[in-house]
N, C-alpha and C. Protein backbone atom coordinates (compact mmCIF):
# COMPACT_ATOMS: atom_id res chain seq x y z
N UNK A 1 19.15 -15.80 70.87
CA UNK A 1 19.52 -16.09 69.50
C UNK A 1 18.71 -15.21 68.55
N UNK A 2 19.41 -14.62 67.60
CA UNK A 2 18.77 -13.70 66.66
C UNK A 2 18.01 -14.47 65.60
N UNK A 3 16.81 -14.02 65.32
CA UNK A 3 15.98 -14.68 64.31
C UNK A 3 16.32 -14.09 62.93
N UNK A 4 16.43 -14.94 61.95
CA UNK A 4 16.71 -14.52 60.58
C UNK A 4 15.49 -14.79 59.72
N UNK A 5 15.07 -13.80 59.01
CA UNK A 5 13.92 -13.94 58.13
C UNK A 5 14.43 -14.24 56.72
N UNK A 6 14.52 -15.54 56.38
CA UNK A 6 15.04 -15.94 55.08
C UNK A 6 14.10 -15.55 53.95
N UNK A 7 12.83 -15.53 54.22
CA UNK A 7 11.84 -15.14 53.21
C UNK A 7 12.10 -13.71 52.75
N UNK A 8 12.38 -12.81 53.67
CA UNK A 8 12.67 -11.42 53.35
C UNK A 8 13.93 -11.30 52.50
N UNK A 9 14.97 -12.08 52.81
CA UNK A 9 16.21 -12.04 52.03
C UNK A 9 15.98 -12.52 50.61
N UNK A 10 15.16 -13.56 50.45
CA UNK A 10 14.88 -14.08 49.11
C UNK A 10 14.09 -13.07 48.29
N UNK A 11 13.15 -12.40 48.92
CA UNK A 11 12.36 -11.39 48.21
C UNK A 11 13.25 -10.24 47.77
N UNK A 12 14.19 -9.83 48.62
CA UNK A 12 15.09 -8.74 48.29
C UNK A 12 15.95 -9.13 47.09
N UNK A 13 16.47 -10.38 47.11
CA UNK A 13 17.29 -10.87 46.00
C UNK A 13 16.45 -10.97 44.72
N UNK A 14 15.23 -11.44 44.84
CA UNK A 14 14.34 -11.58 43.68
C UNK A 14 14.00 -10.22 43.10
N UNK A 15 13.77 -9.23 43.96
CA UNK A 15 13.43 -7.90 43.44
C UNK A 15 14.64 -7.26 42.75
N UNK A 16 15.86 -7.52 43.26
CA UNK A 16 17.06 -6.99 42.61
C UNK A 16 17.25 -7.65 41.24
N UNK A 17 17.03 -8.97 41.18
CA UNK A 17 17.16 -9.68 39.91
C UNK A 17 16.10 -9.20 38.93
N UNK A 18 14.88 -9.02 39.40
CA UNK A 18 13.80 -8.52 38.54
C UNK A 18 14.11 -7.12 38.02
N UNK A 19 14.62 -6.27 38.88
CA UNK A 19 14.98 -4.92 38.47
C UNK A 19 16.08 -4.94 37.42
N UNK A 20 17.08 -5.81 37.61
CA UNK A 20 18.17 -5.94 36.64
C UNK A 20 17.63 -6.40 35.29
N UNK A 21 16.75 -7.41 35.29
CA UNK A 21 16.19 -7.91 34.04
C UNK A 21 15.33 -6.85 33.35
N UNK A 22 14.58 -6.12 34.12
CA UNK A 22 13.75 -5.05 33.57
C UNK A 22 14.61 -3.98 32.90
N UNK A 23 15.68 -3.58 33.57
CA UNK A 23 16.59 -2.58 32.99
C UNK A 23 17.27 -3.12 31.73
N UNK A 24 17.67 -4.39 31.75
CA UNK A 24 18.31 -4.99 30.58
C UNK A 24 17.34 -5.02 29.41
N UNK A 25 16.10 -5.39 29.66
CA UNK A 25 15.10 -5.42 28.59
C UNK A 25 14.82 -4.02 28.05
N UNK A 26 14.84 -3.05 28.91
CA UNK A 26 14.56 -1.68 28.48
C UNK A 26 15.72 -1.07 27.71
N UNK A 27 16.96 -1.39 28.11
CA UNK A 27 18.11 -0.74 27.49
C UNK A 27 18.65 -1.46 26.26
N UNK A 28 18.57 -2.77 26.22
CA UNK A 28 19.12 -3.49 25.07
C UNK A 28 18.40 -3.17 23.77
N UNK A 29 17.06 -3.14 23.72
CA UNK A 29 16.43 -2.74 22.46
C UNK A 29 16.79 -1.31 22.06
N UNK A 30 17.01 -0.43 23.01
CA UNK A 30 17.36 0.96 22.69
C UNK A 30 18.71 1.04 21.99
N UNK A 31 19.62 0.13 22.31
CA UNK A 31 20.92 0.13 21.65
C UNK A 31 20.78 -0.20 20.17
N UNK A 32 19.76 -0.99 19.82
CA UNK A 32 19.53 -1.36 18.43
C UNK A 32 18.68 -0.35 17.68
N UNK A 33 18.07 0.60 18.34
CA UNK A 33 17.13 1.51 17.72
C UNK A 33 17.69 2.26 16.52
N UNK A 34 18.88 2.86 16.57
CA UNK A 34 19.37 3.54 15.39
C UNK A 34 19.52 2.61 14.19
N UNK A 35 19.90 1.37 14.40
CA UNK A 35 20.01 0.43 13.30
C UNK A 35 18.64 0.09 12.75
N UNK A 36 17.63 -0.01 13.63
CA UNK A 36 16.29 -0.33 13.17
C UNK A 36 15.69 0.82 12.39
N UNK A 37 15.99 2.04 12.80
CA UNK A 37 15.39 3.18 12.14
C UNK A 37 15.76 3.25 10.67
N UNK A 38 16.93 2.82 10.31
CA UNK A 38 17.31 2.84 8.91
C UNK A 38 16.79 1.62 8.19
N UNK A 39 16.37 0.58 8.93
CA UNK A 39 15.79 -0.60 8.32
C UNK A 39 16.78 -1.27 7.39
N UNK A 40 16.38 -1.46 6.14
CA UNK A 40 17.22 -2.17 5.19
C UNK A 40 17.91 -1.18 4.26
N UNK A 41 18.23 -0.04 4.75
CA UNK A 41 18.88 0.97 3.91
C UNK A 41 18.13 2.26 4.04
N UNK A 42 18.15 3.04 3.02
CA UNK A 42 17.48 4.33 3.04
C UNK A 42 16.02 4.14 2.66
N UNK A 43 15.17 3.80 3.65
CA UNK A 43 13.77 3.54 3.33
C UNK A 43 12.96 4.81 3.13
N UNK A 44 13.59 5.99 3.20
CA UNK A 44 12.88 7.23 2.94
C UNK A 44 12.85 7.54 1.44
N UNK A 45 13.69 6.89 0.64
CA UNK A 45 13.69 7.15 -0.79
C UNK A 45 12.73 6.19 -1.46
N UNK A 46 11.94 6.72 -2.36
CA UNK A 46 10.96 5.88 -3.05
C UNK A 46 9.79 5.53 -2.15
N UNK A 47 9.09 4.49 -2.53
CA UNK A 47 7.92 4.04 -1.78
C UNK A 47 7.76 2.55 -2.02
N UNK A 48 6.75 1.95 -1.40
CA UNK A 48 6.48 0.53 -1.56
C UNK A 48 5.11 0.37 -2.22
N UNK A 49 5.03 -0.53 -3.20
CA UNK A 49 3.78 -0.80 -3.91
C UNK A 49 3.31 -2.21 -3.60
N UNK A 50 2.03 -2.35 -3.34
CA UNK A 50 1.46 -3.66 -3.00
C UNK A 50 1.61 -4.62 -4.18
N UNK A 51 2.03 -5.85 -3.88
CA UNK A 51 2.02 -6.88 -4.91
C UNK A 51 0.57 -7.09 -5.32
N UNK A 52 0.31 -7.11 -6.59
CA UNK A 52 -1.06 -7.26 -7.07
C UNK A 52 -1.69 -5.95 -7.46
N UNK A 53 -0.96 -4.83 -7.29
CA UNK A 53 -1.46 -3.58 -7.86
C UNK A 53 -1.63 -3.80 -9.36
N UNK A 54 -2.67 -3.26 -9.92
CA UNK A 54 -3.02 -3.41 -11.34
C UNK A 54 -3.45 -4.84 -11.67
N UNK A 55 -3.70 -5.68 -10.67
CA UNK A 55 -4.13 -7.06 -10.88
C UNK A 55 -5.41 -7.36 -10.14
N UNK A 56 -5.64 -8.64 -9.86
CA UNK A 56 -6.91 -9.02 -9.22
C UNK A 56 -7.07 -8.45 -7.81
N UNK A 57 -6.00 -8.32 -6.97
CA UNK A 57 -6.22 -7.67 -5.67
C UNK A 57 -6.72 -6.23 -5.82
N UNK A 58 -6.18 -5.51 -6.81
CA UNK A 58 -6.62 -4.13 -7.03
C UNK A 58 -8.06 -4.09 -7.52
N UNK A 59 -8.42 -5.02 -8.39
CA UNK A 59 -9.80 -5.08 -8.88
C UNK A 59 -10.76 -5.38 -7.73
N UNK A 60 -10.38 -6.31 -6.87
CA UNK A 60 -11.23 -6.69 -5.74
C UNK A 60 -11.37 -5.56 -4.74
N UNK A 61 -10.25 -4.93 -4.38
CA UNK A 61 -10.26 -3.84 -3.38
C UNK A 61 -10.73 -2.52 -3.98
N UNK A 62 -10.59 -2.36 -5.30
CA UNK A 62 -11.01 -1.12 -5.94
C UNK A 62 -9.94 -0.04 -5.92
N UNK A 63 -8.71 -0.41 -5.55
CA UNK A 63 -7.63 0.58 -5.53
C UNK A 63 -6.27 -0.08 -5.50
N UNK A 64 -5.27 0.69 -5.90
CA UNK A 64 -3.87 0.31 -5.71
C UNK A 64 -3.42 0.94 -4.40
N UNK A 65 -2.56 0.26 -3.67
CA UNK A 65 -2.13 0.75 -2.35
C UNK A 65 -0.61 0.91 -2.35
N UNK A 66 -0.17 2.02 -1.77
CA UNK A 66 1.25 2.35 -1.68
C UNK A 66 1.57 2.77 -0.25
N UNK A 67 2.81 2.51 0.18
CA UNK A 67 3.28 2.89 1.51
C UNK A 67 4.57 3.67 1.36
N UNK A 68 4.70 4.76 2.12
CA UNK A 68 5.93 5.55 2.11
C UNK A 68 6.30 5.92 3.54
N UNK A 69 7.61 5.84 3.85
CA UNK A 69 8.14 6.26 5.14
C UNK A 69 8.73 7.65 5.00
N UNK A 70 8.49 8.48 6.02
CA UNK A 70 9.03 9.83 6.07
C UNK A 70 9.93 9.97 7.27
N UNK A 71 10.72 11.03 7.29
CA UNK A 71 11.56 11.31 8.46
C UNK A 71 10.70 11.58 9.67
N UNK A 72 11.31 11.50 10.83
CA UNK A 72 10.63 11.74 12.11
C UNK A 72 9.52 10.73 12.39
N UNK A 73 9.70 9.51 11.88
CA UNK A 73 8.79 8.40 12.16
C UNK A 73 7.36 8.61 11.70
N UNK A 74 7.18 9.06 10.49
CA UNK A 74 5.86 9.17 9.89
C UNK A 74 5.75 8.14 8.78
N UNK A 75 4.57 7.57 8.61
CA UNK A 75 4.32 6.63 7.52
C UNK A 75 3.02 7.04 6.83
N UNK A 76 3.00 6.89 5.53
CA UNK A 76 1.80 7.21 4.75
C UNK A 76 1.34 6.01 3.95
N UNK A 77 0.03 5.83 3.87
CA UNK A 77 -0.57 4.82 2.99
C UNK A 77 -1.47 5.54 2.01
N UNK A 78 -1.27 5.28 0.72
CA UNK A 78 -2.06 5.95 -0.30
C UNK A 78 -2.91 4.91 -1.05
N UNK A 79 -4.17 5.27 -1.26
CA UNK A 79 -5.12 4.42 -1.98
C UNK A 79 -5.55 5.19 -3.23
N UNK A 80 -5.14 4.71 -4.39
CA UNK A 80 -5.50 5.34 -5.67
C UNK A 80 -6.54 4.44 -6.33
N UNK A 81 -7.69 5.02 -6.74
CA UNK A 81 -8.76 4.20 -7.32
C UNK A 81 -8.30 3.41 -8.55
N UNK A 82 -8.76 2.16 -8.61
CA UNK A 82 -8.50 1.30 -9.76
C UNK A 82 -9.70 1.38 -10.68
N UNK A 83 -9.58 1.46 -11.96
CA UNK A 83 -8.44 1.24 -12.83
C UNK A 83 -7.63 2.51 -13.15
N UNK A 84 -8.08 3.67 -12.65
CA UNK A 84 -7.32 4.90 -12.92
C UNK A 84 -5.86 4.76 -12.50
N UNK A 85 -5.60 4.03 -11.42
CA UNK A 85 -4.24 3.91 -10.87
C UNK A 85 -3.24 3.35 -11.88
N UNK A 86 -3.70 2.61 -12.86
CA UNK A 86 -2.80 2.05 -13.88
C UNK A 86 -2.08 3.16 -14.64
N UNK A 87 -2.75 4.30 -14.82
CA UNK A 87 -2.21 5.41 -15.60
C UNK A 87 -1.22 6.28 -14.82
N UNK A 88 -1.19 6.17 -13.50
CA UNK A 88 -0.40 7.08 -12.66
C UNK A 88 1.07 6.67 -12.67
N UNK A 89 1.94 7.63 -12.95
CA UNK A 89 3.39 7.38 -12.98
C UNK A 89 3.96 7.36 -11.56
N UNK A 90 5.07 6.64 -11.38
CA UNK A 90 5.71 6.54 -10.07
C UNK A 90 6.14 7.89 -9.52
N UNK A 91 6.63 8.77 -10.38
CA UNK A 91 7.07 10.10 -9.94
C UNK A 91 5.89 10.90 -9.38
N UNK A 92 4.70 10.74 -9.98
CA UNK A 92 3.51 11.44 -9.49
C UNK A 92 3.11 10.91 -8.11
N UNK A 93 3.23 9.60 -7.91
CA UNK A 93 2.91 9.01 -6.61
C UNK A 93 3.83 9.58 -5.54
N UNK A 94 5.12 9.66 -5.86
CA UNK A 94 6.10 10.22 -4.91
C UNK A 94 5.76 11.68 -4.58
N UNK A 95 5.41 12.47 -5.59
CA UNK A 95 5.08 13.88 -5.38
C UNK A 95 3.80 14.04 -4.56
N UNK A 96 2.82 13.19 -4.79
CA UNK A 96 1.57 13.26 -4.02
C UNK A 96 1.85 12.93 -2.55
N UNK A 97 2.66 11.91 -2.30
CA UNK A 97 3.04 11.59 -0.93
C UNK A 97 3.70 12.79 -0.25
N UNK A 98 4.63 13.43 -0.95
CA UNK A 98 5.34 14.58 -0.39
C UNK A 98 4.39 15.73 -0.10
N UNK A 99 3.49 16.00 -1.03
CA UNK A 99 2.51 17.09 -0.84
C UNK A 99 1.58 16.79 0.34
N UNK A 100 1.14 15.54 0.46
CA UNK A 100 0.25 15.17 1.56
C UNK A 100 0.97 15.29 2.90
N UNK A 101 2.22 14.87 2.95
CA UNK A 101 2.97 14.97 4.21
C UNK A 101 3.17 16.42 4.63
N UNK A 102 3.42 17.30 3.66
CA UNK A 102 3.56 18.73 3.98
C UNK A 102 2.25 19.30 4.52
N UNK A 103 1.14 18.79 4.02
CA UNK A 103 -0.17 19.29 4.44
C UNK A 103 -0.54 18.80 5.84
N UNK A 104 -0.10 17.60 6.21
CA UNK A 104 -0.48 17.01 7.50
C UNK A 104 0.51 17.41 8.59
N UNK A 105 0.02 18.11 9.59
CA UNK A 105 0.87 18.48 10.72
C UNK A 105 0.77 17.47 11.85
N UNK A 106 -0.20 16.57 11.77
CA UNK A 106 -0.40 15.49 12.73
C UNK A 106 -1.07 14.34 11.99
N UNK A 107 -1.34 13.26 12.69
CA UNK A 107 -1.98 12.10 12.06
C UNK A 107 -3.27 12.56 11.37
N UNK A 108 -3.46 12.09 10.14
CA UNK A 108 -4.59 12.58 9.37
C UNK A 108 -5.00 11.60 8.28
N UNK A 109 -6.25 11.74 7.85
CA UNK A 109 -6.73 11.06 6.65
C UNK A 109 -7.05 12.18 5.66
N UNK A 110 -6.38 12.15 4.52
CA UNK A 110 -6.50 13.21 3.53
C UNK A 110 -7.07 12.64 2.23
N UNK A 111 -7.73 13.48 1.48
CA UNK A 111 -8.25 13.08 0.18
C UNK A 111 -8.06 14.24 -0.77
N UNK A 112 -7.48 13.97 -1.92
CA UNK A 112 -7.29 15.05 -2.88
C UNK A 112 -6.56 14.59 -4.12
N UNK A 113 -6.45 15.55 -5.06
CA UNK A 113 -5.76 15.31 -6.33
C UNK A 113 -4.37 15.91 -6.34
N UNK A 114 -4.13 16.88 -5.48
CA UNK A 114 -2.83 17.52 -5.28
C UNK A 114 -2.24 18.10 -6.57
N UNK A 115 -3.10 18.44 -7.51
CA UNK A 115 -2.64 19.04 -8.76
C UNK A 115 -1.89 18.08 -9.65
N UNK A 116 -1.85 16.80 -9.29
CA UNK A 116 -1.09 15.81 -10.05
C UNK A 116 -1.96 14.66 -10.56
N UNK A 117 -3.09 14.43 -9.94
CA UNK A 117 -3.96 13.32 -10.30
C UNK A 117 -5.26 13.83 -10.90
N UNK A 118 -5.91 13.01 -11.71
CA UNK A 118 -7.22 13.39 -12.24
C UNK A 118 -8.36 12.82 -11.39
N UNK A 119 -8.05 11.80 -10.57
CA UNK A 119 -9.01 11.28 -9.60
C UNK A 119 -8.39 11.40 -8.20
N UNK A 120 -9.24 11.65 -7.22
CA UNK A 120 -8.75 11.86 -5.86
C UNK A 120 -8.22 10.57 -5.24
N UNK A 121 -7.11 10.70 -4.54
CA UNK A 121 -6.51 9.59 -3.78
C UNK A 121 -6.77 9.82 -2.30
N UNK A 122 -6.88 8.75 -1.54
CA UNK A 122 -7.01 8.83 -0.09
C UNK A 122 -5.66 8.47 0.52
N UNK A 123 -5.20 9.30 1.44
CA UNK A 123 -3.90 9.09 2.06
C UNK A 123 -4.05 9.18 3.57
N UNK A 124 -3.51 8.19 4.27
CA UNK A 124 -3.47 8.25 5.73
C UNK A 124 -2.02 8.50 6.14
N UNK A 125 -1.85 9.42 7.06
CA UNK A 125 -0.53 9.76 7.59
C UNK A 125 -0.57 9.46 9.09
N UNK A 126 0.35 8.65 9.55
CA UNK A 126 0.40 8.23 10.96
C UNK A 126 1.83 8.24 11.46
N UNK A 127 2.00 8.34 12.76
CA UNK A 127 3.30 8.13 13.40
C UNK A 127 3.50 6.63 13.55
N UNK A 128 4.76 6.18 13.49
CA UNK A 128 5.03 4.77 13.73
C UNK A 128 6.10 4.63 14.80
N UNK A 129 6.16 3.44 15.35
CA UNK A 129 7.16 3.11 16.36
C UNK A 129 7.75 1.75 16.06
N UNK A 130 8.56 1.25 16.97
CA UNK A 130 9.21 -0.04 16.79
C UNK A 130 8.82 -0.97 17.92
N UNK A 131 8.61 -2.22 17.58
CA UNK A 131 8.40 -3.27 18.55
C UNK A 131 9.30 -4.42 18.11
N UNK A 132 10.38 -4.60 18.84
CA UNK A 132 11.43 -5.57 18.49
C UNK A 132 11.96 -5.23 17.10
N UNK A 133 11.79 -6.10 16.13
CA UNK A 133 12.35 -5.85 14.79
C UNK A 133 11.28 -5.41 13.80
N UNK A 134 10.15 -4.94 14.29
CA UNK A 134 9.04 -4.57 13.41
C UNK A 134 8.60 -3.14 13.64
N UNK A 135 8.03 -2.57 12.60
CA UNK A 135 7.45 -1.23 12.66
C UNK A 135 5.98 -1.41 13.02
N UNK A 136 5.47 -0.59 13.92
CA UNK A 136 4.09 -0.69 14.37
C UNK A 136 3.40 0.66 14.17
N UNK A 137 2.18 0.63 13.60
CA UNK A 137 1.42 1.87 13.42
C UNK A 137 -0.06 1.56 13.35
N UNK A 138 -0.88 2.57 13.60
CA UNK A 138 -2.33 2.43 13.51
C UNK A 138 -2.73 2.44 12.04
N UNK A 139 -3.54 1.47 11.64
CA UNK A 139 -3.92 1.40 10.23
C UNK A 139 -5.42 1.19 10.06
N UNK A 140 -6.18 1.53 11.06
CA UNK A 140 -7.63 1.42 10.97
C UNK A 140 -8.14 0.00 11.15
N UNK A 141 -7.32 -0.90 11.65
CA UNK A 141 -7.73 -2.28 11.86
C UNK A 141 -8.13 -2.47 13.32
N UNK A 142 -8.43 -3.73 13.67
CA UNK A 142 -8.82 -4.03 15.05
C UNK A 142 -7.74 -3.68 16.04
N UNK A 143 -6.51 -3.89 15.66
CA UNK A 143 -5.36 -3.51 16.47
C UNK A 143 -4.26 -3.05 15.53
N UNK A 144 -3.17 -2.50 16.04
CA UNK A 144 -2.16 -1.91 15.15
C UNK A 144 -1.60 -2.89 14.13
N UNK A 145 -1.23 -2.35 12.98
CA UNK A 145 -0.56 -3.13 11.94
C UNK A 145 0.94 -3.15 12.24
N UNK A 146 1.59 -4.18 11.77
CA UNK A 146 3.04 -4.25 11.89
C UNK A 146 3.64 -4.43 10.50
N UNK A 147 4.86 -3.94 10.37
CA UNK A 147 5.59 -4.07 9.11
C UNK A 147 6.90 -4.77 9.39
N UNK A 148 7.17 -5.78 8.61
CA UNK A 148 8.43 -6.50 8.68
C UNK A 148 9.21 -6.16 7.41
N UNK A 149 10.34 -5.45 7.60
CA UNK A 149 11.15 -5.04 6.45
C UNK A 149 12.00 -6.18 5.95
N UNK A 150 12.14 -6.25 4.62
CA UNK A 150 13.00 -7.24 3.98
C UNK A 150 13.92 -6.54 3.00
N UNK A 151 14.55 -7.30 2.14
CA UNK A 151 15.42 -6.73 1.11
C UNK A 151 14.55 -6.22 -0.04
N UNK A 152 14.47 -4.92 -0.19
CA UNK A 152 13.67 -4.27 -1.24
C UNK A 152 12.19 -4.66 -1.21
N UNK A 153 11.70 -5.01 -0.03
CA UNK A 153 10.28 -5.33 0.11
C UNK A 153 9.90 -5.19 1.58
N UNK A 154 8.62 -5.27 1.83
CA UNK A 154 8.13 -5.31 3.20
C UNK A 154 6.88 -6.17 3.23
N UNK A 155 6.55 -6.63 4.43
CA UNK A 155 5.32 -7.36 4.64
C UNK A 155 4.48 -6.57 5.63
N UNK A 156 3.27 -6.19 5.22
CA UNK A 156 2.33 -5.52 6.09
C UNK A 156 1.48 -6.61 6.73
N UNK A 157 1.47 -6.65 8.04
CA UNK A 157 0.73 -7.67 8.76
C UNK A 157 -0.44 -6.98 9.45
N UNK A 158 -1.65 -7.25 8.90
CA UNK A 158 -2.87 -6.65 9.44
C UNK A 158 -3.59 -7.69 10.28
N UNK A 159 -3.96 -7.32 11.50
CA UNK A 159 -4.68 -8.28 12.34
C UNK A 159 -6.07 -8.54 11.78
N UNK A 160 -6.52 -9.76 11.91
CA UNK A 160 -7.86 -10.13 11.49
C UNK A 160 -8.61 -10.75 12.65
N UNK A 161 -9.86 -11.06 12.44
CA UNK A 161 -10.68 -11.66 13.49
C UNK A 161 -10.19 -13.08 13.78
N UNK A 162 -9.91 -13.85 12.72
CA UNK A 162 -9.48 -15.23 12.91
C UNK A 162 -7.97 -15.36 12.80
N UNK A 163 -7.38 -14.77 11.77
CA UNK A 163 -5.93 -14.83 11.62
C UNK A 163 -5.42 -13.55 10.96
N UNK A 164 -4.10 -13.43 10.88
CA UNK A 164 -3.49 -12.23 10.33
C UNK A 164 -3.52 -12.26 8.80
N UNK A 165 -3.55 -11.07 8.22
CA UNK A 165 -3.45 -10.93 6.77
C UNK A 165 -2.05 -10.39 6.48
N UNK A 166 -1.28 -11.10 5.68
CA UNK A 166 0.07 -10.68 5.34
C UNK A 166 0.07 -10.24 3.89
N UNK A 167 0.42 -8.96 3.67
CA UNK A 167 0.39 -8.38 2.33
C UNK A 167 1.80 -7.93 1.99
N UNK A 168 2.31 -8.39 0.87
CA UNK A 168 3.68 -8.06 0.48
C UNK A 168 3.68 -6.81 -0.39
N UNK A 169 4.68 -5.96 -0.13
CA UNK A 169 4.89 -4.73 -0.89
C UNK A 169 6.32 -4.73 -1.42
N UNK A 170 6.50 -4.27 -2.67
CA UNK A 170 7.82 -4.19 -3.28
C UNK A 170 8.28 -2.74 -3.30
N UNK A 171 9.59 -2.53 -3.09
CA UNK A 171 10.14 -1.18 -3.08
C UNK A 171 10.23 -0.64 -4.51
N UNK A 172 9.81 0.61 -4.67
CA UNK A 172 9.90 1.30 -5.96
C UNK A 172 10.87 2.46 -5.75
N UNK A 173 12.00 2.38 -6.40
CA UNK A 173 13.03 3.42 -6.27
C UNK A 173 12.71 4.56 -7.24
N UNK A 174 12.84 5.78 -6.75
CA UNK A 174 12.66 6.97 -7.58
C UNK A 174 14.02 7.63 -7.76
N UNK A 175 14.48 7.75 -9.01
CA UNK A 175 15.81 8.36 -9.21
C UNK A 175 15.87 9.82 -8.86
């Protein structure tokens, strides 16, 4: 009588099922990637300004903070010193972002006036990726920051030691 190894058959079936699930997990998010890249519309136009710029968060932090997305999965964060930041026009912020991106050929921390500002701004340029429905990038925190896009706004989620810090940014359209 031939001996049948049922344990071996179950392992083979389990490995096939595991392989199928792994492929499904790998391919299904990729099908959504083009939709995620556009986010909530054309997120390459304009920039996002932190809620509380020109207010108590800016006074406490000592700067206004802005975020801009660029093509080819680049993101920039600009820190303009407060109270000088109150005087800076939105068009100048957009031009400084563009100038900084042209200057950075890879991830970088830049500081300068770019011929548009009277005080130097600090700008970080990083590559970003996607994790499910969120944008993920290095932001100098304990672990990567994530961005959750909304309608004409975003939430920057910075990891903390005890809990996450959620900072809301509003979209600023530049004509």
